[in-house]
Amino acid sequence: MRGSSVTTVAAPETDQQIGTASTHLGERSTLVLLLLLSALTMVVLAALRNQLVLPAGDEPHYLIMSQALERYHSLDLQRVYDAGDYTEFYPRPIWPHTSPGPNGEPLPWHGIGGPVLWLVPFALGGRAGVIAFMVVISLLIVANVFLLARALGVSTRTAFGVGLAFAVGTPILTYSSMSFVEPIGALVCVYALRLLHTNTLRTATCYLSPPAWACCRGCTLDSCSSRRYSSRSCCGGCAATVRPAATSSPQSRLWR
């Protein structure tokens, strides 16, 4: 009798574990299919843009920052402009996007975060390496959109449709083959939303903002690391962080 009762109690638990494992397996399979379909579209667009379209807007200037870091190990962009190194990916004359710094040295107009983050892909493959990096970032956005929808209680099929719509029907697709920092910021934002909707929070404080140098404009790496910036400084936008502080009950969580 005792053995049968143990079997009776254990059977529902085993069935529940099998059902949970099947759900996770189906969710992972759906996510893999979503990423494959998204990657097919993004890779085709990226290859066409890399072969047929020159960098547009401020793209060449972001790439020039990476080129200066990779070739001259500095942010002195004027050396790249003067030497014409940028003709490797932009074979046309280009107006320098620099302005005089505190000591008169030319400093970049644009944020250095993106060029620093994709420096290794640029060193390995030039513009094509940066585009490949942005495709990976865009796929991570799609994956996090899917996982966010699932965290909100949406069915796997609906979450798949939402993720695919984001992949092929929003600017995520356009930016996936361009050298801009916006997709990186979008990935941070979507991941932050996932954290806000998780049932279990980590006790450690979670900092979600980029480091100060990631959005610096008109300042050097040394100045970003040595000075304490206020909201009025060039890196003021990086001062805000997202710090979740959980109280005793999930219903009374306080977010600052």
Protein backbone atom coordinates (compact mmCIF):
# COMPACT_ATOMS: atom_id res chain seq x y z
CA MET A 1 0.00 0.00 0.00
CA ARG A 2 2.78 2.39 0.91
CA GLY A 3 4.59 1.75 -2.37
CA SER A 4 1.43 2.36 -4.41
CA SER A 5 0.78 5.66 -2.65
CA VAL A 6 4.30 6.83 -3.40
CA THR A 7 3.80 5.89 -7.04
CA THR A 8 0.48 7.73 -7.12
CA VAL A 9 2.07 10.92 -5.75
CA ALA A 10 5.14 10.73 -7.96
CA ALA A 11 3.22 10.18 -11.21
CA PRO A 12 1.63 13.67 -11.42
CA GLU A 13 4.99 15.28 -10.63
CA THR A 14 6.66 13.29 -13.39
CA ASP A 15 3.93 14.22 -15.86
CA GLN A 16 4.31 17.88 -14.92
CA GLN A 17 8.09 17.75 -15.42
CA ILE A 18 7.64 16.09 -18.82
CA GLY A 19 5.09 18.71 -19.82
CA THR A 20 7.39 21.55 -18.74
CA ALA A 21 10.32 20.05 -20.65
CA SER A 22 8.16 19.65 -23.77
CA THR A 23 7.05 23.29 -23.49
CA HIS A 24 10.63 24.53 -23.22
CA LEU A 25 11.70 22.36 -26.16
CA GLY A 26 8.86 23.67 -28.32
CA GLU A 27 9.67 27.26 -27.33
CA ARG A 28 13.34 26.84 -28.20
CA SER A 29 12.50 25.25 -31.54
CA THR A 30 10.17 28.14 -32.35
CA LEU A 31 12.84 30.65 -31.39
CA VAL A 32 15.42 28.92 -33.58
CA LEU A 33 13.00 28.96 -36.54
CA LEU A 34 12.31 32.65 -35.93
CA LEU A 35 16.01 33.49 -35.90
CA LEU A 36 16.66 31.47 -39.06
CA LEU A 37 13.92 33.26 -40.99
CA SER A 38 15.05 36.64 -39.66
CA ALA A 39 18.71 35.90 -40.44
CA LEU A 40 17.85 34.88 -44.00
CA THR A 41 16.19 38.23 -44.66
CA MET A 42 18.83 40.30 -42.87
CA VAL A 43 21.82 38.54 -44.41
CA VAL A 44 20.45 38.92 -47.96
CA LEU A 45 19.79 42.64 -47.38
CA ALA A 46 23.21 43.09 -45.74
CA ALA A 47 25.02 41.42 -48.66
CA LEU A 48 23.19 43.56 -51.22
CA ARG A 49 23.82 46.76 -49.30
CA ASN A 50 27.50 45.97 -48.80
CA GLN A 51 27.99 45.26 -52.51
CA LEU A 52 25.72 47.84 -54.13
CA VAL A 53 25.19 50.76 -51.74
CA LEU A 54 27.72 53.18 -50.27
CA PRO A 55 27.52 54.08 -46.58
CA ALA A 56 24.78 56.67 -46.13
CA GLY A 57 24.33 59.65 -43.82
CA ASP A 58 26.77 59.59 -40.91
CA GLU A 59 27.76 55.95 -41.51
CA PRO A 60 31.16 56.74 -43.10
CA HIS A 61 32.08 58.97 -40.15
CA TYR A 62 31.34 56.18 -37.66
CA LEU A 63 33.48 53.85 -39.75
CA ILE A 64 36.22 56.49 -39.92
CA MET A 65 36.31 56.54 -36.11
CA SER A 66 36.85 52.79 -36.08
CA GLN A 67 39.49 53.19 -38.77
CA ALA A 68 41.35 55.80 -36.73
CA LEU A 69 41.29 53.55 -33.67
CA GLU A 70 42.39 50.49 -35.64
CA ARG A 71 45.05 52.15 -37.78
CA TYR A 72 46.37 55.01 -35.65
CA HIS A 73 45.25 53.92 -32.16
CA SER A 74 43.70 57.31 -31.51
CA LEU A 75 40.60 59.39 -32.13
CA ASP A 76 42.48 61.89 -34.28
CA LEU A 77 40.11 61.53 -37.23
CA GLN A 78 41.84 64.26 -39.19
CA ARG A 79 44.67 61.85 -39.98
CA VAL A 80 42.18 59.54 -41.70
CA TYR A 81 40.55 62.42 -43.60
CA ASP A 82 43.92 63.83 -44.71
CA ALA A 83 45.31 60.45 -45.81
CA GLY A 84 42.11 59.45 -47.57
CA ASP A 85 42.03 56.08 -45.80
CA TYR A 86 38.23 56.15 -45.85
CA THR A 87 38.22 55.53 -49.61
CA GLU A 88 38.37 51.82 -48.78
CA PHE A 89 34.62 51.96 -48.06
CA TYR A 90 33.61 55.44 -49.29
CA PRO A 91 35.39 56.36 -52.57
CA ARG A 92 34.23 59.96 -52.63
CA PRO A 93 35.40 63.23 -51.05
CA ILE A 94 33.89 63.72 -47.61
CA TRP A 95 33.67 66.69 -45.28
CA PRO A 96 35.30 66.05 -41.87
CA HIS A 97 32.85 65.72 -38.97
CA THR A 98 35.16 67.17 -36.33
CA SER A 99 35.22 70.23 -34.13
CA PRO A 100 38.01 71.87 -32.07
CA GLY A 101 38.39 70.49 -28.56
CA PRO A 102 39.48 72.32 -25.38
CA ASN A 103 43.12 72.26 -26.49
CA GLY A 104 42.37 72.93 -30.14
CA GLU A 105 42.68 69.30 -31.27
CA PRO A 106 39.98 68.05 -33.67
CA LEU A 107 37.45 65.84 -31.90
CA PRO A 108 34.64 63.77 -33.47
CA TRP A 109 31.11 65.10 -33.65
CA HIS A 110 29.53 61.71 -33.12
CA GLY A 111 29.45 59.29 -30.20
CA ILE A 112 32.36 56.88 -30.01
CA GLY A 113 30.43 54.00 -28.41
CA GLY A 114 29.51 52.17 -31.61
CA PRO A 115 32.94 52.44 -33.25
CA VAL A 116 34.56 51.10 -30.06
CA LEU A 117 32.09 48.21 -29.68
CA TRP A 118 32.46 47.02 -33.28
CA LEU A 119 36.20 47.72 -33.46
CA VAL A 120 37.18 44.03 -33.58
CA PRO A 121 34.71 43.19 -36.40
CA PHE A 122 35.97 46.24 -38.30
CA ALA A 123 39.59 45.16 -37.86
CA LEU A 124 38.73 41.68 -39.13
CA GLY A 125 36.46 42.56 -42.04
CA GLY A 126 36.20 46.30 -42.51
CA ARG A 127 32.74 47.57 -43.33
CA ALA A 128 31.52 44.01 -43.99
CA GLY A 129 32.62 43.01 -40.50
CA VAL A 130 30.65 45.88 -38.98
CA ILE A 131 27.55 44.92 -40.98
CA ALA A 132 27.87 41.32 -39.79
CA PHE A 133 28.12 42.59 -36.22
CA MET A 134 24.95 44.66 -36.67
CA VAL A 135 23.10 41.64 -38.09
CA VAL A 136 23.97 39.71 -34.92
CA ILE A 137 22.79 42.62 -32.76
CA SER A 138 19.52 42.80 -34.71
CA LEU A 139 18.94 39.06 -34.30
CA LEU A 140 19.47 39.43 -30.56
CA ILE A 141 16.79 42.15 -30.58
CA VAL A 142 14.36 39.79 -32.30
CA ALA A 143 15.17 37.01 -29.84
CA ASN A 144 14.58 39.32 -26.88
CA VAL A 145 11.28 40.53 -28.35
CA PHE A 146 10.15 36.90 -28.58
CA LEU A 147 11.27 36.14 -25.02
CA LEU A 148 9.66 39.33 -23.74
CA ALA A 149 6.34 38.33 -25.32
CA ARG A 150 6.60 34.91 -23.68
CA ALA A 151 7.39 36.52 -20.33
CA LEU A 152 4.19 38.55 -20.68
CA GLY A 153 2.19 35.34 -21.04
CA VAL A 154 1.74 35.45 -24.81
CA SER A 155 1.43 32.09 -26.55
CA THR A 156 4.43 30.71 -28.42
CA ARG A 157 2.71 31.07 -31.80
CA THR A 158 1.76 34.70 -31.17
CA ALA A 159 5.23 35.49 -29.83
CA PHE A 160 6.67 34.02 -33.03
CA GLY A 161 4.44 36.28 -35.13
CA VAL A 162 5.39 39.34 -33.08
CA GLY A 163 9.10 38.57 -33.37
CA LEU A 164 8.88 38.00 -37.12
CA ALA A 165 6.91 41.23 -37.56
CA PHE A 166 9.64 43.10 -35.69
CA ALA A 167 12.34 41.43 -37.79
CA VAL A 168 10.91 42.24 -41.24
CA GLY A 169 8.41 45.04 -40.66
CA THR A 170 10.23 47.60 -38.50
CA PRO A 171 13.41 49.71 -38.80
CA ILE A 172 15.25 46.80 -37.17
CA LEU A 173 15.57 45.31 -40.66
CA THR A 174 16.82 48.57 -42.16
CA TYR A 175 19.37 49.22 -39.41
CA SER A 176 20.58 45.59 -39.43
CA SER A 177 22.78 46.34 -42.45
CA MET A 178 23.89 49.85 -41.47
CA SER A 179 26.67 51.18 -39.25
CA PHE A 180 24.65 53.04 -36.62
CA VAL A 181 24.52 52.70 -32.85
CA GLU A 182 20.71 52.70 -32.57
CA PRO A 183 20.29 48.88 -32.74
CA ILE A 184 22.69 48.50 -29.80
CA GLY A 185 20.56 50.90 -27.76
CA ALA A 186 17.41 49.07 -28.84
CA LEU A 187 18.87 45.77 -27.65
CA VAL A 188 19.62 47.27 -24.22
CA CYS A 189 16.07 48.64 -23.97
CA VAL A 190 14.36 45.37 -24.92
CA TYR A 191 16.56 43.42 -22.55
CA ALA A 192 15.73 45.92 -19.80
CA LEU A 193 12.01 45.35 -20.42
CA ARG A 194 12.60 41.61 -20.11
CA LEU A 195 14.23 42.18 -16.73
CA LEU A 196 11.31 44.30 -15.61
CA HIS A 197 8.87 41.48 -16.40
CA THR A 198 10.77 38.52 -15.00
CA ASN A 199 9.15 36.74 -12.08
CA THR A 200 12.40 36.33 -10.18
CA LEU A 201 14.78 39.23 -9.75
CA ARG A 202 18.40 38.98 -8.84
CA THR A 203 19.29 40.56 -5.53
CA ALA A 204 22.28 42.34 -7.02
CA THR A 205 21.72 45.80 -8.43
CA CYS A 206 21.52 45.71 -12.21
CA TYR A 207 23.06 48.57 -14.18
CA LEU A 208 21.63 48.77 -17.67
CA SER A 209 23.03 52.03 -18.96
CA PRO A 210 26.12 52.05 -21.20
CA PRO A 211 29.43 53.28 -19.78
CA ALA A 212 30.20 56.96 -20.03
CA TRP A 213 32.35 56.67 -23.13
CA ALA A 214 29.59 54.91 -25.08
CA CYS A 215 27.74 58.16 -25.84
CA CYS A 216 30.46 60.77 -25.46
CA ARG A 217 30.44 63.57 -27.95
CA GLY A 218 33.27 66.02 -28.35
CA CYS A 219 35.46 64.49 -25.63
CA THR A 220 38.32 62.03 -25.42
CA LEU A 221 38.52 58.64 -23.77
CA ASP A 222 40.76 60.05 -21.06
CA SER A 223 38.35 62.83 -20.21
CA CYS A 224 35.42 60.42 -20.04
CA SER A 225 37.20 58.12 -17.62
CA SER A 226 38.75 60.74 -15.38
CA ARG A 227 35.98 63.32 -14.97
CA ARG A 228 32.73 63.01 -13.09
CA TYR A 229 29.99 64.18 -15.40
CA SER A 230 26.81 65.89 -14.40
CA SER A 231 23.59 66.07 -16.39
CA ARG A 232 24.93 69.14 -18.21
CA SER A 233 28.17 67.53 -19.38
CA CYS A 234 28.80 65.80 -22.67
CA CYS A 235 28.27 62.40 -21.08
CA GLY A 236 25.37 63.38 -18.87
CA GLY A 237 23.03 60.99 -20.63
CA CYS A 238 25.07 58.08 -19.33
CA ALA A 239 24.64 59.01 -15.68
CA ALA A 240 21.19 57.45 -15.33
CA THR A 241 21.00 53.78 -14.47
CA VAL A 242 18.18 51.36 -13.98
CA ARG A 243 18.30 49.93 -10.48
CA PRO A 244 15.67 47.39 -9.50
CA ALA A 245 15.10 47.12 -5.75
CA ALA A 246 12.77 44.31 -4.79
CA THR A 247 10.83 44.42 -1.55
CA SER A 248 9.46 41.43 0.31
CA SER A 249 6.54 40.73 -2.04
CA PRO A 250 6.49 40.72 -5.88
CA GLN A 251 3.45 42.98 -5.86
CA SER A 252 5.27 45.73 -3.99
CA ARG A 253 8.43 45.99 -6.07
CA LEU A 254 9.94 49.44 -6.16
CA TRP A 255 11.88 50.52 -9.22
CA ARG A 256 14.17 53.48 -9.23
